Amino acid sequence: MISDDLPRQMKVVTTHDVLHAASIDNPEKYMPKEYVEGDNVNKVLKVVVSVGLNEVPVVGGMLSGLLDLFWPGGDDDIWEGIKDKVERLVDERIGEETANANRLRLKGIFKVLRNFADEPAKTQARTFHGVLDILTENEPSFIENGAPWYNLPYLVPFGTLYLSALYTQWKYCKKIDKVKDSKSSESSYRETLEREVYRLQRFVQEAKKNCIERRKEDIKMQQPYAFDQVTLGDPHSHAEVTVTGAFAEMEPMFTNARKQLDFEVEFKYSAEIDKILEPTRLWGRFIPGHEDDVQTYHHLEYPGGIWKGITSETKFTNPQDAPGTLGRLCKIELYVCPDYYDTKEVVGLLFVFENTELMLGSRRGGYVFNIDLGKEAAIIGVTTKVSTDYRDRDRIEYIGFTSAVPTIDGQGRLRYEQSWTLGNKFQPRNGVEYKEFTCTSEDGKSPPTCMLYAVGWSYDHTSDGYLGMFQPVFGCLETIERDGTSTWSFEN
């Protein structure tokens, strides 16, 4: 049989409906019953693809599940929502003409595939190559067009449908081609499938690179208000970086401002793109022999704000540039020192990991505040208070780290019973305006996150060193199992 027992004309509403449509038994084994929405499409897709590649015994099974996932009930609200996310991400609307053309192409593909899934088993085998033809004909509109950013909302549905059809052609070639000796066609189909998987993966990376480079081009220098500072701005994120220094240090001021905003684009903005493209990570499983691969990925978040702490003499530190692995964060030391006016400033942070140490700022200090995390606790929140009354740069006067002993439930939600916030003593000064930056791993949030490490700008000097800026990096490690279910950990 090809797909005799697939539901006919079913209006899919829940995640279990999708798995049933994909001929996956016992859907409660993989996930709870929820309405299909933009926020859980990726979670369901992992199961449909992973289980479909291994266990679904019918030709049209995985395709039917994908159709009901991408167009629940036959509408395209899911992809309208993702289009909106892309527009917010790049701060620019996708042209209506382009969006309508892509929607119509996808809608046409959906109708052809839906008709195929609803056909009798004998007819499906005869018409399968026609299904593949319609995907191949539309492929240039999504793939071979210079990887523009506005195709991001449509890469996931089209690419996944296209590769699933190629996989079906290879796996069920005997049933589809109706030949006794299928070795030659099977070999040809396999080569085509592998080639297309690698090509689409390269295209996704090009599309991401296209977005990042395009974003960098829009970073512009702002009108200077003084000869001892440089301000660069990103019009899309509305972030501005002001770097101070002497007039003769204009070049290092500009270089440091540019480096910070480039970091924002290459890492923070890139992480947002990865969330949209997350399902494309599964495409490698379409390669024959890799269906059972277990994959691991870091989910990284770069919360927090930018303040005026970078100067011409500060240096940027990013642990990702160092070789080897950091390991688990075990201890934090805060170095606090008063200046000439008795402003107590956090001038340095020492992060002690299992495998190494990371120093941001200076070790000078009136006192050192220690936070020992032990073997089980993790940092789930950070609060920073920054004073703004000095002209040369802002001062970090308080950093508080919230720790807890966390657990992660089966749905990837962070749980903890108690938490503690520890930091240096904060003594607000009268008449001073403070900026406060807070980032937390919200209880119940999925995927769960904790602070893994930090990046920042610092000036290491024995007498007047300081911590110009630091940004905590939160994240977790996701492992996608053979059946598409995920487990999470806080390994670094």
Protein backbone atom coordinates (compact mmCIF):
# COMPACT_ATOMS: atom_id res chain seq x y z
CA MET A 1 0.00 0.00 0.00
CA ILE A 2 1.09 3.55 -0.60
CA SER A 3 -1.23 5.66 1.55
CA ASP A 4 -4.66 4.04 1.54
CA ASP A 5 -5.25 4.70 5.20
CA LEU A 6 -4.32 8.38 5.26
CA PRO A 7 -7.13 10.66 6.45
CA ARG A 8 -9.07 12.24 3.60
CA GLN A 9 -10.00 15.93 3.58
CA MET A 10 -9.01 16.27 7.21
CA LYS A 11 -8.93 19.74 8.64
CA VAL A 12 -5.85 19.66 10.86
CA VAL A 13 -6.12 21.57 14.09
CA THR A 14 -3.72 19.98 16.59
CA THR A 15 -0.19 18.62 16.67
CA HIS A 16 -1.61 15.10 17.05
CA ASP A 17 -3.68 15.60 13.89
CA VAL A 18 -0.48 16.39 11.99
CA LEU A 19 1.30 13.28 13.25
CA HIS A 20 -1.72 11.10 12.42
CA ALA A 21 -1.76 12.61 8.91
CA ALA A 22 1.90 11.61 8.58
CA SER A 23 0.95 8.01 9.54
CA ILE A 24 2.79 8.32 12.86
CA ASP A 25 1.18 6.20 15.56
CA ASN A 26 1.02 7.14 19.25
CA PRO A 27 1.56 10.90 18.78
CA GLU A 28 1.37 11.44 22.55
CA LYS A 29 4.72 9.65 22.73
CA TYR A 30 6.36 12.59 20.99
CA MET A 31 4.55 15.71 22.20
CA PRO A 32 1.45 17.00 23.98
CA LYS A 33 -1.71 17.78 22.04
CA GLU A 34 -1.65 21.49 21.11
CA TYR A 35 -3.06 23.71 18.40
CA VAL A 36 -0.68 24.14 15.47
CA GLU A 37 0.73 27.67 15.60
CA GLY A 38 3.77 29.50 14.33
CA ASP A 39 5.50 29.00 17.69
CA ASN A 40 5.37 25.19 17.63
CA VAL A 41 5.78 24.44 13.91
CA ASN A 42 9.50 23.71 14.31
CA LYS A 43 8.89 21.29 17.17
CA VAL A 44 6.33 19.30 15.18
CA LEU A 45 8.47 19.40 12.04
CA LYS A 46 11.36 17.69 13.85
CA VAL A 47 9.13 14.72 14.64
CA VAL A 48 7.44 14.52 11.21
CA VAL A 49 10.78 14.48 9.37
CA SER A 50 12.75 12.34 11.82
CA VAL A 51 10.09 9.65 12.26
CA GLY A 52 8.97 9.88 8.64
CA LEU A 53 12.47 9.07 7.38
CA ASN A 54 12.67 5.95 9.53
CA GLU A 55 9.29 4.47 10.34
CA VAL A 56 6.49 5.70 8.06
CA PRO A 57 5.73 2.73 5.77
CA VAL A 58 3.82 4.61 3.05
CA VAL A 59 4.97 6.78 0.15
CA GLY A 60 2.68 9.73 0.80
CA GLY A 61 2.89 9.68 4.59
CA MET A 62 5.57 12.24 5.29
CA LEU A 63 4.37 14.55 2.52
CA SER A 64 0.84 14.50 3.91
CA GLY A 65 2.07 15.33 7.38
CA LEU A 66 4.16 18.23 6.05
CA LEU A 67 1.21 19.63 4.11
CA ASP A 68 -1.04 19.58 7.15
CA LEU A 69 1.70 21.16 9.25
CA PHE A 70 2.60 23.95 6.82
CA TRP A 71 -1.03 24.67 5.86
CA PRO A 72 -3.22 23.64 8.82
CA GLY A 73 -6.80 23.56 7.63
CA GLY A 74 -5.64 24.59 4.15
CA ASP A 75 -4.81 28.23 4.99
CA ASP A 76 -1.43 29.98 4.96
CA ASP A 77 -1.59 31.87 8.27
CA ILE A 78 1.52 30.04 9.51
CA TRP A 79 3.71 31.50 6.77
CA GLU A 80 2.13 34.92 7.02
CA GLY A 81 3.24 34.92 10.65
CA ILE A 82 6.79 33.92 9.76
CA LYS A 83 6.86 36.59 7.04
CA ASP A 84 5.96 39.13 9.72
CA LYS A 85 8.84 37.88 11.91
CA VAL A 86 11.30 38.31 9.03
CA GLU A 87 10.02 41.84 8.35
CA ARG A 88 10.49 42.79 11.99
CA LEU A 89 13.94 41.23 11.99
CA VAL A 90 15.24 43.25 9.04
CA ASP A 91 13.09 46.33 9.74
CA GLU A 92 11.81 46.32 6.17
CA ARG A 93 8.65 45.10 4.52
CA ILE A 94 8.73 42.35 1.94
CA GLY A 95 7.35 43.82 -1.27
CA GLU A 96 3.70 42.90 -1.71
CA GLU A 97 4.29 41.82 -5.29
CA THR A 98 7.09 39.47 -4.22
CA ALA A 99 5.16 38.19 -1.22
CA ASN A 100 2.03 37.52 -3.28
CA ALA A 101 4.05 35.73 -5.97
CA ASN A 102 5.68 33.46 -3.37
CA ARG A 103 2.37 32.81 -1.62
CA LEU A 104 0.71 31.89 -4.90
CA ARG A 105 3.57 29.57 -5.85
CA LEU A 106 3.40 27.82 -2.50
CA LYS A 107 -0.39 27.65 -2.67
CA GLY A 108 -0.18 26.05 -6.10
CA ILE A 109 2.34 23.52 -4.83
CA PHE A 110 0.12 22.81 -1.85
CA LYS A 111 -2.90 22.09 -4.06
CA VAL A 112 -0.95 19.71 -6.31
CA LEU A 113 0.51 17.83 -3.34
CA ARG A 114 -2.84 17.81 -1.53
CA ASN A 115 -4.52 16.27 -4.57
CA PHE A 116 -1.71 13.71 -4.73
CA ALA A 117 -2.13 12.78 -1.06
CA ASP A 118 -5.88 12.33 -1.55
CA GLU A 119 -5.55 10.07 -4.60
CA PRO A 120 -6.03 6.28 -4.43
CA ALA A 121 -2.88 4.26 -3.85
CA LYS A 122 -2.62 2.96 -7.43
CA THR A 123 -2.92 6.44 -8.88
CA GLN A 124 -0.29 7.88 -6.52
CA ALA A 125 2.46 5.69 -7.94
CA ARG A 126 1.68 6.86 -11.49
CA THR A 127 1.47 10.56 -10.64
CA PHE A 128 4.39 10.89 -8.23
CA HIS A 129 6.85 12.12 -10.86
CA GLY A 130 4.36 14.85 -11.73
CA VAL A 131 4.47 15.98 -8.10
CA LEU A 132 8.26 16.14 -8.24
CA ASP A 133 8.09 18.03 -11.53
CA ILE A 134 5.98 20.83 -10.03
CA LEU A 135 8.49 21.21 -7.19
CA THR A 136 11.43 21.23 -9.60
CA GLU A 137 9.76 23.82 -11.84
CA ASN A 138 9.24 26.20 -8.90
CA GLU A 139 12.64 25.60 -7.33
CA PRO A 140 14.45 28.46 -9.16
CA SER A 141 12.02 31.01 -7.72
CA PHE A 142 13.05 30.09 -4.18
CA ILE A 143 16.62 28.84 -4.54
CA GLU A 144 18.40 30.09 -7.66
CA ASN A 145 17.83 33.81 -7.30
CA GLY A 146 20.85 35.22 -5.50
CA ALA A 147 19.72 34.28 -1.98
CA PRO A 148 17.75 37.46 -1.23
CA TRP A 149 16.69 38.06 2.36
CA TYR A 150 13.00 38.22 1.49
CA ASN A 151 12.94 34.49 0.65
CA LEU A 152 13.72 33.56 4.25
CA PRO A 153 10.06 32.90 5.20
CA TYR A 154 9.68 30.41 2.36
CA LEU A 155 12.95 28.44 2.49
CA VAL A 156 11.75 26.09 5.21
CA PRO A 157 8.44 24.92 3.67
CA PHE A 158 9.66 24.72 0.09
CA GLY A 159 13.06 23.17 0.83
CA THR A 160 11.60 20.56 3.18
CA LEU A 161 8.85 19.57 0.74
CA TYR A 162 11.33 19.40 -2.14
CA LEU A 163 13.83 17.20 -0.27
CA SER A 164 11.10 14.97 1.15
CA ALA A 165 9.86 14.35 -2.40
CA LEU A 166 13.38 13.50 -3.60
CA TYR A 167 13.81 11.18 -0.62
CA THR A 168 10.49 9.48 -1.39
CA GLN A 169 11.57 9.03 -5.02
CA TRP A 170 14.77 7.28 -3.89
CA LYS A 171 13.29 5.16 -1.08
CA TYR A 172 10.20 3.94 -2.94
CA CYS A 173 11.56 3.88 -6.49
CA LYS A 174 10.42 0.27 -7.01
CA LYS A 175 6.80 1.16 -6.28
CA ILE A 176 6.93 4.43 -8.19
CA ASP A 177 8.82 3.32 -11.31
CA LYS A 178 7.22 -0.14 -11.45
CA VAL A 179 10.45 -1.88 -12.54
CA LYS A 180 11.94 -5.17 -11.40
CA ASP A 181 15.56 -4.02 -11.48
CA SER A 182 15.69 -0.62 -9.83
CA LYS A 183 19.40 -0.53 -8.97
CA SER A 184 20.39 1.95 -11.68
CA SER A 185 17.50 4.34 -11.02
CA GLU A 186 17.95 3.97 -7.26
CA SER A 187 21.63 4.94 -7.59
CA SER A 188 20.74 7.92 -9.78
CA TYR A 189 18.01 9.09 -7.40
CA ARG A 190 20.41 8.80 -4.47
CA GLU A 191 23.06 10.93 -6.19
CA THR A 192 20.44 13.56 -7.03
CA LEU A 193 19.13 13.59 -3.46
CA GLU A 194 22.58 13.99 -1.90
CA ARG A 195 23.56 16.71 -4.37
CA GLU A 196 20.39 18.69 -3.71
CA VAL A 197 20.70 18.41 0.08
CA TYR A 198 24.19 19.89 -0.02
CA ARG A 199 23.17 22.53 -2.53
CA LEU A 200 20.19 23.70 -0.45
CA GLN A 201 22.31 23.74 2.69
CA ARG A 202 24.82 25.98 0.91
CA PHE A 203 22.01 28.20 -0.27
CA VAL A 204 20.69 28.63 3.28
CA GLN A 205 24.14 29.75 4.42
CA GLU A 206 24.36 32.15 1.47
CA ALA A 207 20.95 33.58 2.33
CA LYS A 208 22.07 34.11 5.92
CA LYS A 209 25.35 35.68 4.79
CA ASN A 210 23.38 37.91 2.42
CA CYS A 211 21.26 39.17 5.32
CA ILE A 212 24.28 39.82 7.55
CA GLU A 213 26.30 41.66 4.90
CA ARG A 214 23.27 43.70 3.89
CA ARG A 215 22.72 44.66 7.53
CA LYS A 216 26.36 45.71 7.97
CA GLU A 217 26.18 47.99 4.94
CA ASP A 218 23.50 50.07 6.67
CA ILE A 219 25.66 50.88 9.72
CA LYS A 220 26.44 54.58 9.45
CA MET A 221 28.38 57.20 11.38
CA GLN A 222 26.20 59.72 13.18
CA GLN A 223 26.71 63.48 13.11
CA PRO A 224 29.60 64.17 15.54
CA TYR A 225 28.75 66.39 18.50
CA ALA A 226 32.30 66.59 19.87
CA PHE A 227 35.86 66.00 18.73
CA ASP A 228 36.53 63.38 21.41
CA GLN A 229 33.87 60.82 20.50
CA VAL A 230 32.58 58.76 17.58
CA THR A 231 29.01 57.42 17.30
CA LEU A 232 27.91 54.70 14.87
CA GLY A 233 24.30 53.56 14.49
CA ASP A 234 22.43 50.55 13.15
CA PRO A 235 19.11 51.89 11.79
CA HIS A 236 17.47 48.46 11.90
CA SER A 237 18.15 47.57 15.54
CA HIS A 238 18.13 51.27 16.47
CA ALA A 239 21.36 50.61 18.39
CA GLU A 240 23.99 53.31 18.72
CA VAL A 241 27.55 52.92 20.00
CA THR A 242 29.50 55.94 21.22
CA VAL A 243 33.25 55.54 21.75
CA THR A 244 35.24 58.24 23.55
CA GLY A 245 38.91 59.23 23.46
CA ALA A 246 41.31 62.03 22.59
CA PHE A 247 40.98 63.84 19.25
CA ALA A 248 44.20 62.20 18.04
CA GLU A 249 42.63 58.76 18.65
CA MET A 250 39.87 59.12 16.07
CA GLU A 251 40.85 55.96 14.16
CA PRO A 252 40.79 53.57 17.17
CA MET A 253 37.52 55.17 18.32
CA PHE A 254 35.92 54.46 14.93
CA THR A 255 37.43 50.95 14.82
CA ASN A 256 36.05 50.03 18.25
CA ALA A 257 32.58 51.40 17.48
CA ARG A 258 32.51 49.45 14.24
CA LYS A 259 33.71 46.26 15.94
CA GLN A 260 30.92 46.40 18.53
CA LEU A 261 28.13 46.90 15.99
CA ASP A 262 29.62 44.24 13.69
CA PHE A 263 29.53 41.88 16.67
CA GLU A 264 25.88 42.75 17.25
CA VAL A 265 25.08 41.81 13.65
CA GLU A 266 27.32 38.73 13.35
CA PHE A 267 26.18 37.15 16.60
CA LYS A 268 22.99 38.67 18.05
CA TYR A 269 21.26 39.27 14.71
CA SER A 270 22.63 36.00 13.32
CA ALA A 271 21.08 34.11 16.26
CA GLU A 272 17.67 35.58 15.36
CA ILE A 273 18.05 34.42 11.75
CA ASP A 274 18.99 30.94 13.00
CA LYS A 275 15.67 30.71 14.85
CA ILE A 276 13.79 31.19 11.57
CA LEU A 277 16.03 28.76 9.69
CA GLU A 278 16.17 26.20 12.51
CA PRO A 279 14.25 23.45 10.64
CA THR A 280 16.85 23.46 7.84
CA ARG A 281 19.23 21.76 10.27
CA LEU A 282 17.19 18.59 9.75
CA TRP A 283 17.90 18.53 6.02
CA GLY A 284 21.09 16.53 6.55
CA ARG A 285 18.94 13.58 7.65
CA PHE A 286 17.53 13.28 4.14
CA ILE A 287 20.91 11.93 2.97
CA PRO A 288 20.61 8.11 2.84
CA GLY A 289 22.50 6.58 5.74
CA HIS A 290 22.10 9.67 7.92
CA GLU A 291 18.45 9.22 8.89
CA ASP A 292 19.45 8.10 12.39
CA ASP A 293 21.95 10.88 13.03
CA VAL A 294 21.70 12.51 16.45
CA GLN A 295 22.35 16.24 16.15
CA THR A 296 23.41 18.77 18.76
CA TYR A 297 23.14 22.55 18.50
CA HIS A 298 23.77 25.52 20.72
CA HIS A 299 20.91 27.97 21.13
CA LEU A 300 22.50 31.31 22.02
CA GLU A 301 20.94 34.59 23.11
CA TYR A 302 22.66 37.94 23.53
CA PRO A 303 20.43 40.00 25.86
CA GLY A 304 21.26 43.31 27.48
CA GLY A 305 21.79 46.90 26.42
CA ILE A 306 24.64 49.05 25.15
CA TRP A 307 25.99 51.89 27.25
CA LYS A 308 28.78 54.43 26.76
CA GLY A 309 31.65 52.40 28.20
CA ILE A 310 33.85 51.73 25.18
CA THR A 311 36.86 54.00 24.70
CA SER A 312 39.81 54.19 22.32
CA GLU A 313 41.94 52.22 24.81
CA THR A 314 39.56 49.32 25.53
CA LYS A 315 39.99 45.88 23.98
CA PHE A 316 37.20 43.50 22.93
CA THR A 317 37.15 39.98 24.39
CA ASN A 318 35.04 37.15 22.98
CA PRO A 319 35.62 33.63 24.40
CA GLN A 320 34.41 32.12 21.12
CA ASP A 321 37.67 33.31 19.56
CA ALA A 322 39.72 31.15 21.95
CA PRO A 323 40.60 27.51 21.15
CA GLY A 324 39.13 24.66 23.17
CA THR A 325 36.01 24.56 25.31
CA LEU A 326 35.25 26.62 28.38
CA GLY A 327 33.33 24.00 30.32
CA ARG A 328 30.83 24.79 33.03
CA LEU A 329 30.82 28.21 34.74
CA CYS A 330 31.86 27.53 38.36
CA LYS A 331 32.72 30.86 39.97
CA ILE A 332 32.51 34.64 39.41
CA GLU A 333 34.66 37.31 41.05
CA LEU A 334 33.70 41.00 40.98
CA TYR A 335 36.47 43.56 41.47
CA VAL A 336 35.10 46.82 42.92
CA CYS A 337 37.15 49.98 43.35
CA PRO A 338 36.30 53.61 44.30
CA ASP A 339 37.57 56.43 42.10
CA TYR A 340 38.81 59.89 43.09
CA TYR A 341 35.21 61.00 43.81
CA ASP A 342 34.52 57.80 45.80
CA THR A 343 32.25 56.38 43.08
CA LYS A 344 32.38 52.62 43.66
CA GLU A 345 32.76 51.02 40.24
CA VAL A 346 32.85 47.38 39.14
CA VAL A 347 36.20 47.51 37.33
CA GLY A 348 36.64 43.81 36.59
CA LEU A 349 34.95 40.42 36.28
CA LEU A 350 36.70 37.07 36.52
CA PHE A 351 34.78 34.06 35.21
CA VAL A 352 36.17 30.72 36.37
CA PHE A 353 35.18 27.79 34.13
CA GLU A 354 35.96 24.10 34.41
CA ASN A 355 38.70 24.34 31.78
CA THR A 356 39.90 27.93 31.87
CA GLU A 357 39.45 31.46 33.24
CA LEU A 358 38.18 34.59 31.51
CA MET A 359 39.06 38.08 32.74
CA LEU A 360 37.15 41.18 31.68
CA GLY A 361 38.47 44.50 32.97
CA SER A 362 41.07 45.01 35.67
CA ARG A 363 41.98 43.06 38.81
CA ARG A 364 42.56 46.24 40.78
CA GLY A 365 39.97 46.81 43.46
CA GLY A 366 39.13 47.95 46.94
CA TYR A 367 37.53 44.56 47.49
CA VAL A 368 36.62 41.37 45.65
CA PHE A 369 33.12 39.85 45.80
CA ASN A 370 33.00 36.08 45.17
CA ILE A 371 30.06 34.07 43.81
CA ASP A 372 30.67 30.31 44.05
CA LEU A 373 28.17 28.30 42.01
CA GLY A 374 29.21 24.90 43.32
CA LYS A 375 28.56 21.83 41.18
CA GLU A 376 24.87 22.31 40.39
CA ALA A 377 23.85 25.99 40.37
CA ALA A 378 23.67 28.08 37.20
CA ILE A 379 23.24 31.79 36.49
CA ILE A 380 19.66 32.39 35.34
CA GLY A 381 19.59 36.19 35.52
CA VAL A 382 21.84 39.26 35.43
CA THR A 383 21.10 42.87 36.45
CA THR A 384 23.45 45.79 35.77
CA LYS A 385 23.16 49.39 37.01
CA VAL A 386 25.20 51.96 35.09
CA SER A 387 25.69 55.62 36.05
CA THR A 388 25.71 58.28 33.33
CA ASP A 389 27.04 61.44 35.00
CA TYR A 390 30.65 61.17 33.76
CA ARG A 391 31.37 62.59 30.32
CA ASP A 392 34.18 60.26 29.23
CA ARG A 393 32.25 57.01 29.80
CA ASP A 394 29.49 55.47 31.91
CA ARG A 395 30.41 53.57 35.09
CA ILE A 396 29.15 50.11 36.07
CA GLU A 397 28.27 50.54 39.74
CA TYR A 398 26.39 47.29 40.31
CA ILE A 399 26.19 43.80 38.84
CA GLY A 400 23.89 41.20 40.39
CA PHE A 401 23.87 37.55 39.32
CA THR A 402 20.79 35.42 40.05
CA SER A 403 21.64 31.75 40.56
CA ALA A 404 19.52 28.64 41.04
CA VAL A 405 19.75 24.88 40.91
CA PRO A 406 17.75 24.31 37.70
CA THR A 407 16.10 21.29 36.17
CA ILE A 408 14.69 20.88 32.66
CA ASP A 409 11.42 19.03 32.15
CA GLY A 410 10.48 16.83 29.21
CA GLN A 411 9.08 19.76 27.23
CA GLY A 412 12.26 21.78 27.57
CA ARG A 413 11.02 24.17 30.23
CA LEU A 414 13.32 25.50 32.93
CA ARG A 415 12.27 24.74 36.50
CA TYR A 416 13.77 25.77 39.84
CA GLU A 417 12.41 26.03 43.37
CA GLN A 418 14.59 28.81 44.78
CA SER A 419 16.92 31.45 43.42
CA TRP A 420 19.45 33.84 44.96
CA THR A 421 20.72 37.19 43.67
CA LEU A 422 24.27 38.04 44.68
CA GLY A 423 26.39 41.04 43.73
CA ASN A 424 28.40 43.95 45.03
CA LYS A 425 26.77 46.43 47.42
CA PHE A 426 24.98 49.15 45.46
CA GLN A 427 25.00 52.67 46.87
CA PRO A 428 23.05 54.98 44.52
CA ARG A 429 24.31 58.56 44.45
CA ASN A 430 21.87 61.44 44.82
CA GLY A 431 20.93 63.21 41.61
CA VAL A 432 22.53 60.59 39.35
CA GLU A 433 20.59 58.94 36.53
CA TYR A 434 21.13 55.19 36.26
CA LYS A 435 20.53 52.87 33.34
CA GLU A 436 19.42 49.40 34.39
CA PHE A 437 19.79 46.30 32.21
CA THR A 438 18.16 43.04 33.26
CA CYS A 439 18.13 39.70 31.47
CA THR A 440 16.60 36.50 32.83
CA SER A 441 15.86 32.91 31.91
CA GLU A 442 12.12 33.09 32.41
CA ASP A 443 10.65 30.17 34.33
CA GLY A 444 8.73 28.06 31.83
CA LYS A 445 10.55 29.40 28.78
CA SER A 446 11.56 26.98 26.03
CA PRO A 447 14.26 26.38 25.11
CA PRO A 448 15.68 26.82 28.60
CA THR A 449 18.72 29.05 29.00
CA CYS A 450 21.33 29.96 31.55
CA MET A 451 24.36 32.22 31.35
CA LEU A 452 27.18 30.38 29.55
CA TYR A 453 29.83 33.12 29.40
CA ALA A 454 30.21 36.84 28.66
CA VAL A 455 31.83 39.10 26.09
CA GLY A 456 32.93 42.64 26.68
CA TRP A 457 35.25 45.61 26.44
CA SER A 458 37.92 46.22 29.05
CA TYR A 459 41.05 48.18 29.88
CA ASP A 460 43.47 46.17 31.99
CA HIS A 461 45.73 48.54 33.92
CA THR A 462 47.13 48.23 37.43
CA SER A 463 46.10 51.71 38.56
CA ASP A 464 43.19 52.85 36.38
CA GLY A 465 41.87 49.78 34.53
CA TYR A 466 38.12 49.35 34.11
CA LEU A 467 35.33 47.22 32.67
CA GLY A 468 33.92 49.30 29.84
CA MET A 469 31.05 47.01 28.90
CA PHE A 470 30.06 43.39 29.32
CA GLN A 471 27.30 41.38 27.73
CA PRO A 472 26.20 38.04 29.20
CA VAL A 473 25.56 35.25 26.72
CA PHE A 474 22.71 32.89 27.59
CA GLY A 475 22.01 29.57 25.94
CA CYS A 476 21.61 25.83 26.08
CA LEU A 477 22.61 22.73 24.15
CA GLU A 478 19.82 20.91 22.29
CA THR A 479 20.17 17.29 21.25
CA ILE A 480 17.71 16.13 18.57
CA GLU A 481 17.23 12.40 18.95
CA ARG A 482 16.50 9.82 16.26
CA ASP A 483 12.74 10.22 16.72
CA GLY A 484 12.85 14.03 16.52
CA THR A 485 12.33 14.62 20.23
CA SER A 486 14.72 16.99 21.96
CA THR A 487 16.64 16.99 25.20
CA TRP A 488 18.43 20.05 26.61
CA SER A 489 21.41 20.66 28.83
CA PHE A 490 23.57 23.57 29.98
CA GLU A 491 26.85 22.19 28.67
CA ASN A 492 29.15 24.90 27.35
